[in-house]
């Protein structure tokens, strides 16, 4: 009995210490540096999410990539969103093995990166991207695209351009969800619809968006559309039917994300 009580006492002490650590880690940030670390949550690469669509063919992905490149007005905030969209389109074009579209996408990505002032060392990766496209080296190209996205986001973070970081995330995930819903509905099966159940990503993105306080962004029409539509997107993603999503739900997600894209698009 004494041995049993001793074990309980030890477990109680351990649990108390763990609980104390958790409370300590959840304290509000004390300074600006901690705030930025707290709110800039990186999101998974689109290629990781797309791996759940392994039943699709190259031609399916090719149809999913818009013929017309996404372009925003040459304004730094909108261009950051556009860069996110293009990065997502690049991943889809790799899946499609479409050399022509990839060359056009990579060129547009380079132009947008230069416009928002990405570090010159990162722009050197652009030459690497186009080299892989010309060689049709799809495996290394997909890895290079992921690296480019990570390095661009890191550059924005290190230069404390936090709002641009978030807008690039917004563009990438908006396009990812838009194209994924399109791909699933092309050959709808209820089980495949669970791929849009990305609650963690959704919550992190919305949290990052809520931290933007630059009035040049928060008072813009495109930001109002993005925040309003993501609230609706969250309602849908949190309301699966029997653990899956209907074709109508996916169609609505596609519509909501398209409205966000259209609000950023060059007029």
Protein backbone atom coordinates (compact mmCIF):
# COMPACT_ATOMS: atom_id res chain seq x y z
CA UNK A 1 0.00 0.00 0.00
CA UNK A 2 2.87 2.37 0.90
CA UNK A 3 4.50 1.66 -2.46
CA UNK A 4 1.22 2.43 -4.24
CA UNK A 5 0.84 5.74 -2.38
CA UNK A 6 4.46 6.65 -3.20
CA UNK A 7 3.83 6.11 -6.93
CA UNK A 8 0.71 8.31 -6.77
CA UNK A 9 2.66 11.03 -4.95
CA UNK A 10 5.45 10.98 -7.57
CA UNK A 11 2.91 11.17 -10.43
CA UNK A 12 1.16 14.09 -8.72
CA UNK A 13 4.42 16.03 -8.41
CA UNK A 14 5.36 15.34 -12.05
CA UNK A 15 1.94 16.41 -13.35
CA UNK A 16 2.08 19.58 -11.25
CA UNK A 17 5.47 20.48 -12.72
CA UNK A 18 4.28 19.82 -16.28
CA UNK A 19 1.17 21.93 -15.70
CA UNK A 20 3.31 24.73 -14.33
CA UNK A 21 5.55 24.64 -17.42
CA UNK A 22 2.56 24.81 -19.74
CA UNK A 23 1.15 27.82 -17.92
CA UNK A 24 4.52 29.53 -18.09
CA UNK A 25 4.82 28.91 -21.84
CA UNK A 26 1.34 30.32 -22.44
CA UNK A 27 2.11 33.70 -20.86
CA UNK A 28 1.56 36.68 -23.17
CA UNK A 29 4.67 37.90 -25.02
CA UNK A 30 6.59 40.63 -23.17
CA UNK A 31 8.14 42.48 -26.10
CA UNK A 32 7.82 43.13 -29.83
CA UNK A 33 10.29 40.40 -30.82
CA UNK A 34 8.28 37.77 -28.94
CA UNK A 35 5.07 39.02 -30.53
CA UNK A 36 6.40 38.48 -34.05
CA UNK A 37 7.63 34.98 -33.21
CA UNK A 38 4.22 34.26 -31.71
CA UNK A 39 2.12 35.34 -34.64
CA UNK A 40 4.12 34.34 -37.71
CA UNK A 41 3.12 30.70 -38.00
CA UNK A 42 4.55 28.93 -41.08
CA UNK A 43 2.10 26.83 -43.09
CA UNK A 44 2.77 23.44 -44.72
CA UNK A 45 3.88 23.32 -48.35
CA UNK A 46 1.07 22.75 -50.84
CA UNK A 47 2.88 19.74 -52.34
CA UNK A 48 2.46 17.97 -48.98
CA UNK A 49 -1.31 18.53 -49.02
CA UNK A 50 -1.61 17.57 -52.70
CA UNK A 51 -0.04 14.17 -51.97
CA UNK A 52 -3.55 13.14 -50.90
CA UNK A 53 -4.64 13.43 -54.55
CA UNK A 54 -2.32 10.68 -55.75
CA UNK A 55 -5.16 9.13 -57.77
CA UNK A 56 -5.11 12.06 -60.22
CA UNK A 57 -3.28 12.14 -63.55
CA UNK A 58 -0.98 14.79 -65.01
CA UNK A 59 -3.78 15.95 -67.30
CA UNK A 60 -6.05 16.57 -64.30
CA UNK A 61 -3.48 18.90 -62.77
CA UNK A 62 -2.88 20.57 -66.13
CA UNK A 63 -6.56 21.48 -66.41
CA UNK A 64 -6.49 22.87 -62.88
CA UNK A 65 -3.77 25.42 -63.66
CA UNK A 66 -5.33 28.59 -65.05
CA UNK A 67 -4.27 29.42 -68.61
CA UNK A 68 -3.99 33.08 -67.66
CA UNK A 69 -1.34 33.86 -65.06
CA UNK A 70 -2.67 35.44 -61.90
CA UNK A 71 -1.60 39.08 -61.75
CA UNK A 72 -2.35 41.80 -59.21
CA UNK A 73 -1.92 45.55 -59.48
CA UNK A 74 1.72 46.58 -59.00
CA UNK A 75 1.26 47.47 -55.37
CA UNK A 76 3.42 45.76 -52.77
CA UNK A 77 0.61 44.23 -50.67
CA UNK A 78 -1.36 42.83 -53.60
CA UNK A 79 1.84 41.62 -55.26
CA UNK A 80 2.75 39.64 -52.13
CA UNK A 81 -0.63 37.87 -52.37
CA UNK A 82 -0.02 37.24 -56.08
CA UNK A 83 3.38 35.70 -55.33
CA UNK A 84 1.67 33.22 -53.01
CA UNK A 85 -0.87 32.34 -55.71
CA UNK A 86 1.87 31.82 -58.30
CA UNK A 87 3.87 29.61 -55.95
CA UNK A 88 0.84 27.35 -55.52
CA UNK A 89 0.26 27.34 -59.28
CA UNK A 90 3.90 26.37 -59.77
CA UNK A 91 3.43 23.26 -57.62
CA UNK A 92 0.35 22.30 -59.67
CA UNK A 93 2.22 22.87 -62.93
CA UNK A 94 5.00 20.55 -61.73
CA UNK A 95 2.38 17.88 -61.06
CA UNK A 96 1.08 18.50 -64.59
CA UNK A 97 4.64 18.39 -66.02
CA UNK A 98 3.72 21.39 -68.16
CA UNK A 99 6.98 23.04 -69.19
CA UNK A 100 5.38 26.02 -70.95
CA UNK A 101 3.21 27.00 -67.99
CA UNK A 102 6.10 26.50 -65.58
CA UNK A 103 8.37 28.85 -67.49
CA UNK A 104 5.66 31.52 -67.51
CA UNK A 105 4.89 31.01 -63.80
CA UNK A 106 8.54 31.06 -62.73
CA UNK A 107 9.18 34.26 -64.72
CA UNK A 108 6.17 35.95 -63.08
CA UNK A 109 7.36 34.75 -59.65
CA UNK A 110 10.77 36.31 -60.25
CA UNK A 111 9.21 39.62 -61.35
CA UNK A 112 6.94 39.74 -58.29
CA UNK A 113 9.80 38.82 -55.97
CA UNK A 114 11.92 41.66 -57.36
CA UNK A 115 9.02 44.11 -57.06
CA UNK A 116 8.49 43.46 -53.33
CA UNK A 117 12.25 43.66 -52.74
CA UNK A 118 13.33 40.09 -52.01
CA UNK A 119 17.02 39.63 -51.18
CA UNK A 120 19.26 39.23 -54.25
CA UNK A 121 20.71 35.95 -52.94
CA UNK A 122 17.25 34.39 -52.97
CA UNK A 123 16.61 35.63 -56.49
CA UNK A 124 19.57 33.52 -57.60
CA UNK A 125 17.40 30.50 -56.80
CA UNK A 126 15.13 31.66 -59.61
CA UNK A 127 17.81 30.74 -62.16
CA UNK A 128 17.95 27.31 -60.56
CA UNK A 129 14.18 26.98 -60.91
CA UNK A 130 14.23 27.79 -64.59
CA UNK A 131 17.16 25.46 -65.12
CA UNK A 132 15.16 22.56 -63.72
CA UNK A 133 12.18 23.55 -65.89
CA UNK A 134 14.29 23.50 -69.05
CA UNK A 135 15.77 20.13 -68.08
CA UNK A 136 12.30 18.79 -67.15
CA UNK A 137 13.78 17.66 -63.84
CA UNK A 138 10.41 17.43 -62.07
CA UNK A 139 11.64 15.95 -58.79
CA UNK A 140 14.28 18.61 -58.14
CA UNK A 141 11.95 21.30 -59.44
CA UNK A 142 9.32 20.46 -56.84
CA UNK A 143 11.97 20.57 -54.09
CA UNK A 144 13.33 23.87 -55.47
CA UNK A 145 9.84 25.43 -55.47
CA UNK A 146 9.35 24.48 -51.83
CA UNK A 147 12.77 25.93 -50.97
CA UNK A 148 12.02 29.14 -52.89
CA UNK A 149 8.76 29.60 -50.96
CA UNK A 150 10.48 28.98 -47.61
CA UNK A 151 13.40 31.30 -48.42
CA UNK A 152 11.15 34.12 -49.65
CA UNK A 153 9.02 33.87 -46.50
CA UNK A 154 12.19 33.79 -44.37
CA UNK A 155 13.47 36.90 -46.14
CA UNK A 156 10.22 38.74 -45.42
CA UNK A 157 10.34 37.61 -41.80
CA UNK A 158 13.98 38.56 -41.24
CA UNK A 159 13.41 42.00 -42.76
CA UNK A 160 10.38 42.39 -40.43
CA UNK A 161 7.93 42.72 -43.31
CA UNK A 162 5.44 40.64 -41.41
CA UNK A 163 2.30 41.77 -43.25
CA UNK A 164 3.80 40.78 -46.61
CA UNK A 165 4.66 37.38 -45.13
CA UNK A 166 1.02 36.87 -44.12
CA UNK A 167 -0.36 38.11 -47.45
CA UNK A 168 1.89 35.67 -49.31
CA UNK A 169 0.57 32.89 -47.07
CA UNK A 170 -2.96 34.07 -47.78
CA UNK A 171 -2.39 33.94 -51.53
CA UNK A 172 -0.83 30.48 -51.45
CA UNK A 173 -3.48 28.89 -49.29
CA UNK A 174 -6.40 30.62 -51.03
CA UNK A 175 -5.17 29.30 -54.38
CA UNK A 176 -4.42 25.90 -52.90
CA UNK A 177 -7.95 25.51 -51.53
CA UNK A 178 -9.43 26.91 -54.74
CA UNK A 179 -7.59 24.44 -56.94
CA UNK A 180 -8.01 21.44 -54.58
CA UNK A 181 -11.79 21.87 -54.48
CA UNK A 182 -11.77 22.15 -58.27
CA UNK A 183 -9.72 18.95 -58.61
CA UNK A 184 -11.85 16.93 -56.20
CA UNK A 185 -15.13 18.03 -57.78
CA UNK A 186 -13.87 17.06 -61.23
CA UNK A 187 -14.15 13.41 -60.16
CA UNK A 188 -16.08 13.72 -56.89
CA UNK A 189 -15.85 11.00 -54.28
CA UNK A 190 -16.89 11.74 -50.73
CA UNK A 191 -13.80 10.14 -49.16
CA UNK A 192 -11.48 12.39 -51.18
CA UNK A 193 -13.23 15.50 -49.87
CA UNK A 194 -11.62 15.10 -46.43
CA UNK A 195 -8.47 16.63 -47.92
CA UNK A 196 -9.94 20.11 -47.35
CA UNK A 197 -10.23 19.40 -43.63
CA UNK A 198 -7.19 21.53 -42.77
CA UNK A 199 -8.47 23.14 -39.58
CA UNK A 200 -4.99 23.72 -38.17
CA UNK A 201 -3.80 25.61 -41.25
CA UNK A 202 -7.06 27.55 -41.44
CA UNK A 203 -6.89 28.69 -37.81
CA UNK A 204 -3.22 29.68 -38.06
CA UNK A 205 -3.83 31.70 -41.21
CA UNK A 206 -6.85 33.51 -39.73
CA UNK A 207 -4.86 34.22 -36.56
CA UNK A 208 -2.01 35.68 -38.63
CA UNK A 209 -4.48 37.83 -40.61
CA UNK A 210 -6.02 39.14 -37.39
CA UNK A 211 -2.63 40.47 -36.30
CA UNK A 212 -2.35 42.80 -39.32
CA UNK A 213 -2.92 46.38 -38.14
CA UNK A 214 -1.58 48.33 -41.13
CA UNK A 215 -4.49 50.55 -42.20
CA UNK A 216 -3.30 50.49 -45.82
CA UNK A 217 -4.29 46.82 -45.71
CA UNK A 218 -7.07 46.62 -43.13
CA UNK A 219 -9.12 49.35 -44.83
CA UNK A 220 -8.67 47.89 -48.32
CA UNK A 221 -11.63 46.21 -50.01
CA UNK A 222 -9.61 43.06 -50.76
CA UNK A 223 -8.82 42.55 -47.08
CA UNK A 224 -12.47 42.95 -46.10
CA UNK A 225 -13.40 40.28 -48.68
CA UNK A 226 -10.61 37.97 -47.47
CA UNK A 227 -11.56 38.19 -43.78
CA UNK A 228 -15.30 37.94 -44.46
CA UNK A 229 -14.91 34.95 -46.79
CA UNK A 230 -12.50 33.10 -44.53
CA UNK A 231 -15.06 33.35 -41.72
CA UNK A 232 -17.51 31.58 -44.07
CA UNK A 233 -14.83 29.09 -45.17
CA UNK A 234 -14.22 28.22 -41.52
CA UNK A 235 -17.93 27.56 -40.96
CA UNK A 236 -17.96 25.08 -43.86
CA UNK A 237 -14.74 23.29 -42.94
CA UNK A 238 -15.96 22.92 -39.36
CA UNK A 239 -19.26 21.39 -40.56
CA UNK A 240 -18.51 18.14 -42.40
CA UNK A 241 -21.44 15.82 -43.05
CA UNK A 242 -20.78 12.30 -41.80
CA UNK A 243 -17.07 13.13 -41.70
CA UNK A 244 -16.89 14.26 -45.34
CA UNK A 245 -17.87 17.28 -47.45
CA UNK A 246 -20.57 17.34 -50.11
CA UNK A 247 -20.00 18.48 -53.66
CA UNK A 248 -22.10 21.57 -52.87
CA UNK A 249 -19.87 22.43 -49.91
CA UNK A 250 -16.76 22.11 -52.08
CA UNK A 251 -18.39 24.28 -54.75
CA UNK A 252 -19.08 26.95 -52.13
CA UNK A 253 -15.45 26.81 -50.90
CA UNK A 254 -14.31 27.21 -54.49
CA UNK A 255 -16.62 30.21 -54.96
CA UNK A 256 -15.47 31.91 -51.74
CA UNK A 257 -11.78 31.50 -52.56
CA UNK A 258 -12.35 32.72 -56.13
CA UNK A 259 -13.98 35.87 -54.76
CA UNK A 260 -10.87 36.51 -52.66
CA UNK A 261 -8.62 36.03 -55.69
CA UNK A 262 -10.79 38.35 -57.78
CA UNK A 263 -10.61 41.07 -55.11
CA UNK A 264 -6.79 41.10 -55.39
CA UNK A 265 -6.64 40.70 -59.18
CA UNK A 266 -5.51 43.58 -61.40
CA UNK A 267 -8.51 45.46 -62.73
